Protein backbone atom coordinates (compact mmCIF):
# COMPACT_ATOMS: atom_id res chain seq x y z
CA MET A 1 18.18 28.89 24.34
CA ASN A 2 15.52 26.75 22.95
CA VAL A 3 12.12 26.09 24.31
CA GLN A 4 12.98 22.94 26.15
CA ASP A 5 15.97 24.61 27.89
CA LYS A 6 13.61 27.59 28.90
CA LEU A 7 10.99 25.21 30.13
CA SER A 8 13.52 23.26 32.06
CA ALA A 9 14.75 26.39 33.93
CA GLN A 10 11.20 27.38 34.68
CA VAL A 11 10.18 23.93 35.99
CA LYS A 12 13.11 23.96 38.45
CA GLU A 13 12.13 27.53 39.40
CA ALA A 14 8.45 26.26 40.02
CA VAL A 15 9.55 23.35 42.16
CA LYS A 16 11.90 25.47 44.17
CA ASN A 17 9.16 28.05 44.92
CA ILE A 18 6.33 25.55 45.52
CA PHE A 19 8.13 22.75 47.26
CA ASP A 20 11.49 24.26 48.34
CA VAL A 21 13.35 21.52 46.37
CA ASP A 22 16.35 21.81 44.11
CA LEU A 23 15.45 19.61 41.28
CA GLU A 24 18.27 17.50 39.85
CA THR A 25 16.99 16.72 36.39
CA VAL A 26 13.99 17.56 34.22
CA GLU A 27 12.78 15.10 31.68
CA PHE A 28 10.65 16.10 28.55
CA GLN A 29 9.33 14.06 25.63
CA PRO A 30 7.06 14.88 22.66
CA THR A 31 3.33 14.94 23.53
CA ARG A 32 1.47 11.84 22.35
CA LYS A 33 -0.74 12.45 19.32
CA ASP A 34 -3.92 11.45 21.09
CA PHE A 35 -3.36 14.29 23.74
CA GLU A 36 -3.51 17.97 23.45
CA GLY A 37 -0.01 19.54 23.89
CA ASP A 38 3.28 20.56 22.21
CA ILE A 39 5.75 19.09 24.77
CA THR A 40 5.24 16.82 27.69
CA LEU A 41 6.95 17.04 31.18
CA VAL A 42 7.42 13.61 32.75
CA THR A 43 6.94 14.02 36.58
CA PHE A 44 7.60 10.41 37.79
CA PRO A 45 11.46 10.97 38.17
CA MET A 46 10.78 14.00 40.44
CA LEU A 47 8.90 11.95 43.00
CA ARG A 48 12.25 10.72 44.41
CA GLN A 49 12.65 14.30 45.71
CA ILE A 50 9.08 15.44 46.17
CA LYS A 51 6.64 13.52 48.32
CA THR A 52 3.25 13.90 46.61
CA SER A 53 1.20 12.27 43.88
CA PRO A 54 2.16 12.59 40.24
CA VAL A 55 -1.08 14.27 39.38
CA LYS A 56 -0.88 16.90 42.21
CA LEU A 57 2.70 17.63 41.15
CA GLY A 58 1.75 18.05 37.44
CA GLU A 59 -1.08 20.30 38.40
CA ALA A 60 0.94 22.50 40.62
CA ILE A 61 3.68 22.93 38.15
CA GLY A 62 1.35 23.50 35.19
CA GLN A 63 -0.47 26.28 37.24
CA TYR A 64 2.85 27.88 38.11
CA LEU A 65 3.98 27.86 34.55
CA VAL A 66 0.76 29.32 33.05
CA GLU A 67 0.79 32.06 35.59
CA ASN A 68 4.46 32.98 35.01
CA ASN A 69 5.23 32.34 31.37
CA LYS A 70 3.39 34.08 28.61
CA ASP A 71 4.62 31.45 26.08
CA ILE A 72 2.43 28.79 27.81
CA GLN A 73 -1.17 28.97 26.74
CA LYS A 74 -2.58 25.99 28.87
CA PHE A 75 -1.97 22.45 30.28
CA ASN A 76 -3.50 19.21 31.04
CA VAL A 77 -2.27 16.41 33.27
CA VAL A 78 -2.60 12.67 32.44
CA GLN A 79 -1.10 10.54 35.36
CA GLY A 80 2.40 11.44 35.69
CA PHE A 81 2.59 13.41 32.44
CA LEU A 82 2.13 17.26 32.17
CA ASN A 83 1.11 18.12 28.65
CA ILE A 84 2.02 21.70 27.84
CA VAL A 85 0.32 23.73 25.08
CA LEU A 86 2.62 26.46 23.90
CA ALA A 87 1.15 29.91 22.66
CA ASP A 88 1.75 30.66 18.93
CA GLN A 89 3.94 33.59 19.91
CA SER A 90 6.53 31.17 21.32
CA TYR A 91 6.77 29.48 17.93
CA LEU A 92 6.92 32.87 16.05
CA ASP A 93 9.65 34.11 18.42
CA PHE A 94 11.76 31.02 17.75
CA PHE A 95 11.15 31.16 14.05
CA GLY A 96 12.04 34.79 13.88
CA SER A 97 15.36 33.98 15.67
CA MET A 98 16.38 31.11 13.46
CA LYS A 99 15.08 31.89 9.90
CA ASP A 100 17.83 34.27 8.96
CA ASN A 101 20.61 32.61 10.97
CA THR A 102 22.92 30.92 8.43
CA SER A 103 24.55 28.80 11.05
CA PHE A 104 21.37 27.73 12.82
CA GLY A 105 21.93 24.58 14.64
CA ARG A 106 25.61 24.82 14.69
CA THR A 107 27.73 25.71 17.80
CA PRO A 108 30.51 28.17 17.56
CA GLU A 109 34.01 26.56 17.88
CA ARG A 110 35.08 26.02 21.46
CA GLU A 111 38.61 25.12 22.74
CA GLN A 112 38.26 21.31 22.63
CA SER A 113 39.92 19.86 19.64
CA ILE A 114 39.58 16.37 18.23
CA MET A 115 41.12 14.30 15.32
CA VAL A 116 39.13 11.97 13.09
CA GLU A 117 40.89 9.23 11.20
CA TYR A 118 39.27 7.58 8.27
CA SER A 119 40.14 5.80 5.09
CA SER A 120 43.55 4.58 5.90
CA PRO A 121 43.96 2.34 2.76
CA ASN A 122 46.73 -0.09 1.62
CA THR A 123 48.77 1.00 -1.39
CA ASN A 124 48.38 -2.31 -3.17
CA LYS A 125 44.93 -1.80 -4.44
CA PRO A 126 42.34 0.73 -5.35
CA LEU A 127 39.61 1.89 -2.74
CA HIS A 128 36.54 -0.34 -2.80
CA LEU A 129 33.01 -0.27 -1.37
CA GLY A 130 34.19 -0.93 2.19
CA HIS A 131 36.46 2.11 2.01
CA VAL A 132 33.43 4.09 0.64
CA ARG A 133 31.51 3.43 3.92
CA ASN A 134 34.51 4.18 5.99
CA ASN A 135 35.27 7.44 4.16
CA LEU A 136 31.67 8.53 4.25
CA LEU A 137 31.36 7.83 7.95
CA GLY A 138 34.59 9.35 8.96
CA TYR A 139 34.07 12.47 6.88
CA SER A 140 30.44 12.98 8.19
CA VAL A 141 31.34 12.39 11.85
CA ALA A 142 34.14 15.05 11.43
CA GLU A 143 31.56 17.55 10.05
CA ILE A 144 29.04 16.77 12.67
CA LEU A 145 31.72 17.11 15.54
CA LYS A 146 32.69 20.45 13.97
CA ALA A 147 28.96 21.62 13.86
CA SER A 148 28.68 20.64 17.51
CA GLY A 149 31.42 23.12 18.57
CA LYS A 150 34.60 21.21 18.37
CA LYS A 151 37.76 22.01 16.48
CA VAL A 152 38.33 19.01 14.13
CA TYR A 153 41.34 17.78 12.23
CA LYS A 154 40.88 14.95 9.54
CA THR A 155 43.53 12.48 8.92
CA GLN A 156 44.38 9.15 7.44
CA ILE A 157 47.30 6.80 7.94
CA ILE A 158 48.33 5.25 4.64
CA ASN A 159 49.60 1.67 4.91
CA ASP A 160 52.44 1.93 2.41
CA ARG A 161 54.77 -0.70 3.59
CA GLY A 162 54.75 -4.44 4.24
CA ILE A 163 54.73 -7.64 2.37
CA HIS A 164 51.47 -6.91 0.54
CA ILE A 165 53.06 -3.81 -1.09
CA CYS A 166 55.98 -5.96 -2.15
CA LYS A 167 53.60 -8.43 -3.76
CA SER A 168 52.37 -5.80 -6.17
CA MET A 169 55.92 -4.52 -6.83
CA LEU A 170 57.25 -8.00 -7.49
CA ALA A 171 54.40 -8.87 -9.95
CA TRP A 172 54.93 -5.55 -11.84
CA GLN A 173 58.68 -6.41 -12.18
CA ARG A 174 57.80 -9.85 -13.38
CA PHE A 175 54.92 -9.18 -15.71
CA GLY A 176 54.72 -5.41 -16.15
CA ASN A 177 56.88 -4.75 -19.15
CA ASP A 178 57.41 -1.24 -17.81
CA GLU A 179 53.80 -0.46 -17.89
CA THR A 180 52.63 2.93 -16.29
CA PRO A 181 49.34 4.63 -15.66
CA GLU A 182 50.22 6.92 -18.75
CA THR A 183 50.94 3.98 -21.14
CA SER A 184 47.97 1.78 -19.92
CA GLY A 185 45.47 4.63 -19.50
CA LEU A 186 44.57 3.21 -16.15
CA LYS A 187 44.49 5.19 -12.86
CA GLY A 188 47.63 4.31 -10.82
CA ASP A 189 45.78 2.54 -7.93
CA LYS A 190 43.97 0.40 -10.48
CA LEU A 191 47.24 -0.47 -12.27
CA VAL A 192 49.04 -1.52 -9.06
CA GLY A 193 45.85 -3.40 -7.76
CA ASN A 194 45.96 -5.48 -10.99
CA TYR A 195 49.49 -6.55 -10.18
CA TYR A 196 48.37 -7.60 -6.66
CA VAL A 197 45.90 -9.86 -8.29
CA LYS A 198 48.57 -11.24 -10.71
CA PHE A 199 50.76 -12.08 -7.91
CA ASP A 200 48.07 -14.09 -6.18
CA LYS A 201 47.37 -15.94 -9.39
CA ALA A 202 51.04 -16.70 -9.89
CA TYR A 203 51.31 -17.77 -6.22
CA LYS A 204 48.37 -20.17 -6.41
CA GLU A 205 49.86 -21.84 -9.50
CA GLU A 206 53.23 -22.35 -7.77
CA VAL A 207 51.35 -23.74 -4.75
CA SER A 208 49.44 -26.17 -6.85
CA TYR A 209 52.66 -27.26 -8.47
CA LEU A 210 54.34 -27.96 -5.16
CA LEU A 211 51.35 -29.89 -3.78
CA ALA A 212 51.62 -32.11 -6.93
CA GLN A 213 55.28 -32.60 -6.04
CA GLY A 214 54.06 -34.13 -2.66
CA LYS A 215 54.44 -31.16 -0.42
CA THR A 216 51.89 -30.57 2.27
CA GLU A 217 49.68 -27.59 1.89
CA GLU A 218 51.44 -25.77 4.70
CA GLU A 219 54.80 -26.52 3.14
CA ALA A 220 53.71 -25.43 -0.28
CA LYS A 221 52.25 -22.14 0.87
CA ALA A 222 55.35 -21.27 2.75
CA GLU A 223 57.80 -22.40 0.05
CA ALA A 224 56.35 -20.96 -3.12
CA PRO A 225 59.32 -19.24 -4.90
CA ILE A 226 57.29 -15.97 -5.70
CA LEU A 227 56.46 -15.48 -1.99
CA LYS A 228 60.10 -16.10 -0.97
CA ASP A 229 61.05 -13.39 -3.48
CA ALA A 230 58.55 -10.97 -2.13
CA GLN A 231 59.80 -11.64 1.45
CA GLU A 232 63.37 -10.89 0.20
CA MET A 233 62.05 -7.76 -1.47
CA LEU A 234 60.60 -6.59 1.88
CA ARG A 235 63.97 -7.30 3.68
CA LYS A 236 65.73 -5.17 1.01
CA TRP A 237 63.25 -2.38 1.56
CA GLU A 238 63.77 -2.42 5.24
CA ALA A 239 67.56 -2.27 4.52
CA GLY A 240 67.15 0.83 2.35
CA ASP A 241 68.08 -0.97 -0.90
CA LYS A 242 68.25 1.95 -3.48
CA GLU A 243 66.59 0.04 -6.26
CA VAL A 244 63.77 -1.46 -4.25
CA VAL A 245 63.02 1.96 -2.50
CA GLY A 246 63.01 3.63 -5.84
CA LEU A 247 60.37 1.23 -7.34
CA TRP A 248 58.41 1.48 -4.11
CA LYS A 249 58.26 5.33 -4.20
CA THR A 250 57.26 5.25 -7.86
CA MET A 251 54.51 2.73 -7.55
CA ASN A 252 53.16 4.30 -4.32
CA GLN A 253 53.09 7.68 -5.99
CA TRP A 254 50.84 6.05 -8.70
CA VAL A 255 48.47 4.86 -6.01
CA TYR A 256 48.47 8.23 -4.07
CA ASP A 257 47.48 9.96 -7.32
CA GLY A 258 44.69 7.57 -7.88
CA PHE A 259 43.48 7.79 -4.29
CA GLU A 260 43.38 11.59 -4.51
CA GLU A 261 41.13 11.38 -7.65
CA THR A 262 38.72 9.04 -5.88
CA TYR A 263 38.70 11.26 -2.80
CA GLN A 264 37.75 14.30 -4.88
CA LYS A 265 34.89 12.28 -6.57
CA LEU A 266 33.57 11.37 -3.20
CA GLY A 267 33.88 14.82 -1.71
CA VAL A 268 36.20 13.89 1.24
CA ASP A 269 39.46 15.55 2.30
CA PHE A 270 42.16 15.43 4.88
CA ASP A 271 44.10 17.92 6.93
CA LYS A 272 47.14 15.58 7.22
CA ASN A 273 48.33 12.20 5.78
CA TYR A 274 50.41 10.03 7.99
CA TYR A 275 52.30 7.19 6.31
CA GLU A 276 53.13 3.96 7.91
CA SER A 277 56.65 3.95 6.43
CA ASP A 278 57.26 6.96 8.66
CA THR A 279 55.28 5.73 11.77
CA TYR A 280 56.24 2.03 11.88
CA LEU A 281 59.13 2.68 14.24
CA LEU A 282 57.24 5.13 16.39
CA GLY A 283 56.35 3.72 19.89
CA LYS A 284 59.55 1.61 20.42
CA ASN A 285 60.94 4.40 22.75
CA VAL A 286 57.49 4.54 24.64
CA VAL A 287 57.68 0.73 25.21
CA ALA A 288 61.31 1.31 26.63
CA GLU A 289 59.81 4.00 28.96
CA GLY A 290 56.83 1.79 29.93
CA LEU A 291 59.36 -1.03 30.84
CA GLU A 292 60.99 1.19 33.37
CA LYS A 293 57.69 2.15 34.83
CA GLY A 294 56.52 -1.47 34.99
CA VAL A 295 53.66 -1.07 32.57
CA PHE A 296 55.31 -3.63 30.44
CA TYR A 297 57.46 -6.76 31.08
CA ARG A 298 60.14 -8.70 29.17
CA LYS A 299 59.84 -12.50 28.62
CA ASP A 300 62.82 -14.79 28.60
CA ASP A 301 63.05 -14.67 24.66
CA GLY A 302 63.44 -10.88 24.94
CA SER A 303 59.89 -9.98 23.69
CA VAL A 304 57.91 -7.30 25.60
CA TRP A 305 54.36 -7.75 26.72
CA ILE A 306 51.60 -6.21 28.73
CA ASP A 307 49.32 -8.16 30.98
CA LEU A 308 45.84 -7.05 30.75
CA THR A 309 44.11 -10.06 32.33
CA GLU A 310 42.92 -8.25 35.35
CA ASP A 311 41.13 -5.86 32.89
CA GLY A 312 39.12 -8.76 31.41
CA LEU A 313 41.52 -8.82 28.32
CA ASP A 314 44.57 -10.84 27.70
CA GLU A 315 48.35 -10.55 27.44
CA LYS A 316 49.46 -8.55 24.54
CA ILE A 317 52.89 -8.40 22.73
CA VAL A 318 54.27 -4.82 22.06
CA LEU A 319 57.80 -5.80 20.82
CA ARG A 320 58.91 -8.88 19.23
CA SER A 321 62.07 -10.85 20.60
CA ASP A 322 64.15 -9.51 17.69
CA GLY A 323 63.24 -5.94 18.99
CA THR A 324 60.91 -5.13 15.88
CA ALA A 325 57.68 -3.46 16.46
CA VAL A 326 54.03 -4.81 16.01
CA TYR A 327 51.08 -2.85 14.94
CA MET A 328 50.04 -2.15 18.53
CA THR A 329 53.54 -0.51 19.13
CA GLN A 330 53.09 1.65 15.97
CA ASP A 331 49.48 2.67 16.89
CA ILE A 332 50.72 3.69 20.53
CA GLY A 333 53.49 5.83 19.03
CA THR A 334 51.40 7.39 16.30
CA ALA A 335 48.64 8.36 18.77
CA ILE A 336 51.24 10.13 20.92
CA GLN A 337 52.77 11.75 17.85
CA ARG A 338 49.36 13.08 16.71
CA VAL A 339 48.70 14.64 20.12
CA LYS A 340 52.18 16.38 19.84
CA ASP A 341 51.45 17.56 16.22
CA PHE A 342 48.00 19.03 16.76
CA HIS A 343 47.54 19.48 20.59
CA ILE A 344 44.22 17.58 20.36
CA ASN A 345 42.13 16.44 23.29
CA GLY A 346 40.80 13.21 21.73
CA MET A 347 40.65 10.99 18.65
CA VAL A 348 38.07 9.08 16.80
CA TYR A 349 39.21 6.03 14.80
CA THR A 350 36.98 4.95 11.98
CA VAL A 351 37.77 1.22 11.50
CA GLY A 352 35.71 -1.84 10.78
CA ASN A 353 34.24 -3.85 13.59
CA GLU A 354 36.87 -6.65 13.19
CA GLN A 355 39.23 -4.45 15.01
CA ASP A 356 37.03 -3.85 18.13
CA TYR A 357 39.45 -5.83 20.30
CA HIS A 358 42.48 -4.06 19.03
CA PHE A 359 41.22 -0.70 20.10
CA LYS A 360 40.13 -1.88 23.53
CA VAL A 361 43.71 -2.98 24.05
CA LEU A 362 45.28 0.20 22.48
CA PHE A 363 43.14 2.67 24.47
CA LEU A 364 43.81 0.65 27.68
CA ILE A 365 47.58 0.72 27.18
CA LEU A 366 47.56 4.41 26.52
CA LYS A 367 45.58 4.89 29.76
CA LYS A 368 48.17 2.77 31.75
CA LEU A 369 50.81 4.85 30.32
CA GLY A 370 49.43 7.86 31.98
CA TYR A 371 48.07 9.79 28.96
CA GLU A 372 44.95 11.73 30.30
CA TRP A 373 43.57 12.13 26.73
CA ALA A 374 43.33 8.33 26.51
CA ASP A 375 39.81 8.81 28.13
CA ASN A 376 38.68 10.64 24.95
CA LEU A 377 39.56 8.13 22.41
CA TYR A 378 36.79 6.47 20.44
CA HIS A 379 36.61 3.59 18.01
CA LEU A 380 33.94 4.36 15.44
CA SER A 381 33.21 0.69 14.74
CA TYR A 382 31.20 -0.22 11.66
CA GLY A 383 29.73 -3.24 10.05
CA MET A 384 30.76 -4.43 6.66
CA VAL A 385 28.95 -3.65 3.43
CA ASP A 386 27.57 -6.58 1.41
CA LEU A 387 26.20 -6.78 -2.07
CA PRO A 388 23.28 -8.88 -3.26
CA THR A 389 26.03 -10.90 -5.15
CA GLY A 390 27.93 -11.65 -1.97
CA LYS A 391 31.22 -10.85 -0.25
CA MET A 392 34.18 -9.06 -1.90
CA LYS A 393 37.68 -10.44 -2.09
CA SER A 394 40.60 -8.19 -2.96
CA ARG A 395 43.18 -10.87 -3.85
CA GLU A 396 40.85 -12.38 -6.36
CA GLY A 397 39.95 -9.14 -7.97
CA THR A 398 36.25 -9.42 -6.97
CA VAL A 399 35.98 -6.24 -5.10
CA VAL A 400 33.54 -3.40 -6.07
CA ASP A 401 35.78 -0.57 -7.06
CA ALA A 402 34.88 2.75 -5.62
CA ASP A 403 35.30 4.61 -8.84
CA ASP A 404 33.12 2.02 -10.72
CA LEU A 405 30.55 2.33 -8.05
CA ILE A 406 30.40 6.05 -8.36
CA ASP A 407 30.05 5.81 -12.17
CA GLU A 408 27.39 3.10 -11.69
CA MET A 409 25.43 5.36 -9.34
CA THR A 410 25.55 8.31 -11.73
CA ALA A 411 24.45 6.05 -14.56
CA THR A 412 21.54 4.58 -12.46
CA ALA A 413 20.55 8.33 -11.60
CA ARG A 414 20.51 9.12 -15.31
CA ASN A 415 18.29 6.22 -16.26
CA ILE A 416 15.77 6.82 -13.56
CA SER A 417 15.73 10.63 -14.17
CA GLU A 418 15.29 10.12 -17.81
CA GLU A 419 12.33 7.78 -17.32
CA LEU A 420 10.63 10.37 -15.08
CA GLY A 421 11.21 12.92 -17.87
CA LYS A 422 11.48 16.09 -15.78
CA LEU A 423 14.55 17.63 -17.19
CA ASP A 424 13.19 19.85 -20.04
CA GLY A 425 15.31 22.79 -20.75
CA TYR A 426 18.49 21.48 -19.14
CA SER A 427 21.72 21.45 -21.17
CA ALA A 428 23.87 18.28 -21.49
CA ALA A 429 26.34 19.60 -19.01
CA GLU A 430 23.65 20.56 -16.52
CA LYS A 431 22.14 17.10 -16.84
CA ASP A 432 25.49 15.43 -16.27
CA GLU A 433 26.05 17.47 -13.10
CA LEU A 434 22.59 16.75 -11.80
CA TYR A 435 23.05 12.96 -12.34
CA ARG A 436 26.26 13.06 -10.49
CA ILE A 437 24.72 14.95 -7.51
CA ILE A 438 21.81 12.58 -7.44
CA GLY A 439 23.89 9.41 -7.83
CA LEU A 440 26.35 10.40 -5.18
CA GLY A 441 23.61 11.76 -2.92
CA ALA A 442 21.70 8.37 -3.22
CA LEU A 443 24.92 6.38 -2.44
CA LYS A 444 26.02 8.52 0.61
CA TYR A 445 22.55 8.70 2.12
CA TYR A 446 21.81 4.99 1.72
CA ILE A 447 24.96 4.20 3.62
CA LEU A 448 24.76 6.97 6.25
CA LYS A 449 21.22 6.50 7.18
CA VAL A 450 22.10 3.13 8.83
CA ASP A 451 23.40 2.96 12.31
CA PRO A 452 27.31 2.57 11.89
CA ARG A 453 27.42 -0.62 13.85
CA LYS A 454 25.04 -2.45 11.58
CA ARG A 455 26.05 -4.45 8.52
CA ILE A 456 24.58 -3.11 5.26
CA LEU A 457 23.26 -4.87 2.19
CA PHE A 458 23.83 -2.20 -0.51
CA ASN A 459 21.36 -2.15 -3.41
CA PRO A 460 22.31 0.71 -6.00
CA GLU A 461 18.79 0.85 -7.66
CA GLU A 462 16.80 0.91 -4.35
CA SER A 463 19.07 3.79 -3.23
CA VAL A 464 18.11 6.01 -6.20
CA ASP A 465 14.37 5.64 -5.66
CA PHE A 466 12.74 8.90 -5.73
CA GLN A 467 10.26 7.82 -3.05
CA GLY A 468 10.84 6.85 0.57
CA ASN A 469 13.70 7.25 2.81
CA THR A 470 16.38 8.03 0.13
CA GLY A 471 18.78 10.87 -0.73
CA PRO A 472 16.95 11.64 -4.09
CA PHE A 473 13.56 11.94 -2.27
CA ILE A 474 15.03 14.58 0.05
CA GLN A 475 17.01 16.26 -2.68
CA TYR A 476 13.71 16.46 -4.78
CA THR A 477 11.97 18.15 -1.79
CA TYR A 478 14.74 20.61 -1.52
CA ALA A 479 14.49 21.50 -5.27
CA ARG A 480 10.70 21.79 -4.81
CA ILE A 481 11.36 24.47 -2.21
CA GLN A 482 13.69 26.32 -4.28
CA SER A 483 11.06 26.38 -7.09
CA ILE A 484 8.54 27.99 -4.64
CA LEU A 485 11.18 30.59 -3.81
CA ARG A 486 11.80 31.28 -7.46
CA LYS A 487 8.12 31.71 -8.16
CA ALA A 488 7.49 34.01 -5.10
CA GLU A 489 7.94 37.25 -6.99
CA PHE A 490 7.51 39.54 -4.01
CA ASP A 491 9.57 40.54 -0.90
CA TYR A 492 8.80 37.88 1.71
CA THR A 493 11.73 38.66 3.94
CA GLN A 494 10.00 41.09 6.26
CA PRO A 495 9.64 39.80 9.88
CA ILE A 496 6.07 38.66 10.82
CA LEU A 497 5.30 39.61 14.35
CA ALA A 498 1.81 38.42 14.74
CA TYR A 499 0.32 35.36 13.15
CA ASN A 500 -2.26 32.60 14.00
CA LEU A 501 -0.51 29.22 13.22
CA ASN A 502 -2.31 26.35 11.96
CA ASP A 503 -1.43 22.69 12.96
CA LYS A 504 0.71 21.91 9.83
CA GLU A 505 2.84 25.19 10.34
CA LYS A 506 3.28 24.47 14.06
CA GLU A 507 4.34 20.93 13.29
CA LEU A 508 6.98 22.22 10.85
CA ILE A 509 8.43 24.62 13.35
CA LYS A 510 8.46 22.02 15.95
CA GLN A 511 10.61 19.76 13.68
CA LEU A 512 12.92 22.73 12.95
CA GLN A 513 13.36 23.43 16.68
CA VAL A 514 15.07 19.97 17.25
CA TYR A 515 17.72 20.31 14.69
CA PRO A 516 20.41 21.91 17.06
CA GLU A 517 19.66 19.14 19.55
CA THR A 518 19.86 16.45 16.85
CA ILE A 519 23.45 17.75 15.95
CA GLN A 520 24.55 17.55 19.48
CA LEU A 521 23.05 14.07 19.95
CA ALA A 522 24.70 12.92 16.58
CA ALA A 523 28.03 14.11 17.82
CA GLU A 524 27.77 12.44 21.20
CA ASN A 525 26.93 9.17 19.51
CA HIS A 526 29.17 9.61 16.53
CA SER A 527 26.20 8.64 14.30
CA PRO A 528 25.38 10.39 11.02
CA ALA A 529 22.24 8.16 10.96
CA LEU A 530 20.57 10.48 13.49
CA ILE A 531 21.15 13.46 10.97
CA ALA A 532 19.90 11.57 7.95
CA ASN A 533 16.70 10.26 9.77
CA TYR A 534 15.97 13.66 11.30
CA THR A 535 16.11 15.12 7.68
CA TYR A 536 13.81 12.47 6.35
CA GLU A 537 11.31 13.20 9.16
CA LEU A 538 11.57 16.99 8.34
CA VAL A 539 11.00 16.40 4.75
CA LYS A 540 8.00 14.16 5.53
CA VAL A 541 6.43 16.93 7.60
CA PHE A 542 7.21 19.52 4.99
CA ASN A 543 5.51 17.35 2.25
CA SER A 544 2.40 16.98 4.47
CA PHE A 545 2.46 20.90 4.90
CA TYR A 546 2.88 21.26 1.12
CA GLN A 547 -0.05 18.98 0.29
CA ASN A 548 -2.50 20.41 2.85
CA VAL A 549 -1.71 24.20 2.84
CA THR A 550 -1.92 26.72 0.13
CA ILE A 551 1.47 28.48 -0.13
CA LEU A 552 1.57 30.97 -3.16
CA GLY A 553 -2.20 30.68 -4.00
CA THR A 554 -3.46 32.15 -0.74
CA GLU A 555 -5.18 35.52 -0.85
CA ASP A 556 -3.86 36.67 2.52
CA ASP A 557 -0.46 38.46 2.06
CA THR A 558 0.92 37.89 5.54
CA GLU A 559 -0.09 34.04 5.27
CA LYS A 560 1.68 33.84 1.93
CA LYS A 561 4.84 35.56 3.16
CA PHE A 562 5.00 33.49 6.32
CA ARG A 563 4.56 30.25 4.42
CA VAL A 564 7.28 31.14 1.91
CA GLN A 565 9.51 32.15 4.82
CA LEU A 566 8.78 28.76 6.38
CA SER A 567 9.53 26.92 3.23
CA LYS A 568 12.77 28.62 2.86
CA ALA A 569 13.74 27.83 6.45
CA VAL A 570 13.13 24.13 5.78
CA GLY A 571 15.20 24.29 2.68
CA ASP A 572 18.11 25.88 4.60
CA VAL A 573 18.03 23.23 7.19
CA ILE A 574 17.85 20.43 4.69
CA LYS A 575 20.92 21.93 2.87
CA SER A 576 22.65 22.41 6.22
CA SER A 577 22.03 18.75 7.39
CA PHE A 578 22.93 17.34 4.08
CA GLU A 579 26.37 19.17 4.16
CA LEU A 580 26.88 17.36 7.61
CA LEU A 581 26.43 14.19 5.51
CA GLY A 582 28.68 15.36 2.53
CA ILE A 583 25.70 15.46 0.22
CA GLN A 584 25.04 18.21 -2.27
CA VAL A 585 21.51 19.55 -3.02
CA PRO A 586 20.36 20.60 -6.50
CA GLU A 587 18.47 23.84 -7.10
CA ARG A 588 16.41 22.20 -9.70
CA MET A 589 15.35 18.61 -10.43
């Protein structure tokens, strides 16, 4: 139990004993810097239950706490705020309990289980910058939920069927000359992506030709021969044509292999992959059951719909007149299948904000079908990532490729590190590994420190700055702490039972205390940004401590041991919080 939880129980006890009132809630906030105190109790909300003045209420509670709690040294009341000064011993007790706890801040796994879906790419192109944000968000939210006490399964649904896949396949047939990843030296996803771009180029040429022949733009776009051939290929795939299915399997495998290489570079993983080619027929039986229950209705043309107008949405089709499923049908079926597969209590869908409406409809349909777990579905909606050069377009081949971005980040880290010239004594292999850790750390932190809902303008050079709110700045502080520990050539691990804390030490312990609470808050809000910005604040407080307090140079042995212990605890929390963001920390920089 942390200090705030203990105080909350004691405040309720005080109010019960003094006023014979069972308090509903207790509200705390950090003490303002212009007042003396470590934590502040807000008394205004209590006045709904207790008929007295806020100052008298604060004085009465403060007096009770001082008399009955050895951890409270003194208090002062400013209007409706009770500022509480904690005794040094309360900080030391907390620090003693957390400093050797390797899982500090993390809650043991409970029964509730949840699935987090992220990435979910198409197999007609490589992963790009947009996928990078998706993967980093999904992976980090999964790790944060796990740290908050939930059992977590990570998954993706790979969109491996449809007209866009056939476009790449047809272009490879036309222009490929049997090219493979092995013969071309290209990753499979890049190779297939090149043919998607080639299809678009050929398609535009055909459209231009038809326009010159007098066709309208609509006619030209619909009648281009290469598009008709792609549509025919899709029909053959759906009919199980052996040749088409064989090519589809071959080219998709090239892409899967390429994706896996990128995932390994990014440091993300999955417990299970779902494939649209397996799931696109799921949900049709559910629609039939929903028709019988009156959840859905059939129109005269045979199509099946649901009317959500009373819920502030619109009417939504769930089955076409020819009996084929739409994406909504598939998503309904896939959600139900996942619950059967993993017995989960809820799901998080990491999908861009252009799909906000889709998920409102999906979640509402599942509720109307009677699934209790539908109340625990969450759309982790995120904004797009822009570059200083503008938007990305897959068909035109102007996307920022994820692999190229990772390589560019590593190169940027190399250039900046070499300019700083702090890598004497490193081998070439050690330098390369360090550049990779710094570059990836810069990329991940820059993206994850922003609230997921906000759009990002990504600037690679700015992200690798060794000053300010960046990954490398925090990594450098961690490495500085490891340097202190290496230089501490004495046993600093013994518990320190009595010690007079100075303000910088107390401030640092205060910041450590809120780490468990921050994890829970980040889990509730599905926001890695809360973890990122907590870590930045912790690092700022540590650097102020480092600059104002002598650590290894002090003559007092107890002081020296305590400050090394405190530095180590900060390093451990930095490492722990960065693990939740999927970021590595280097031992030296």
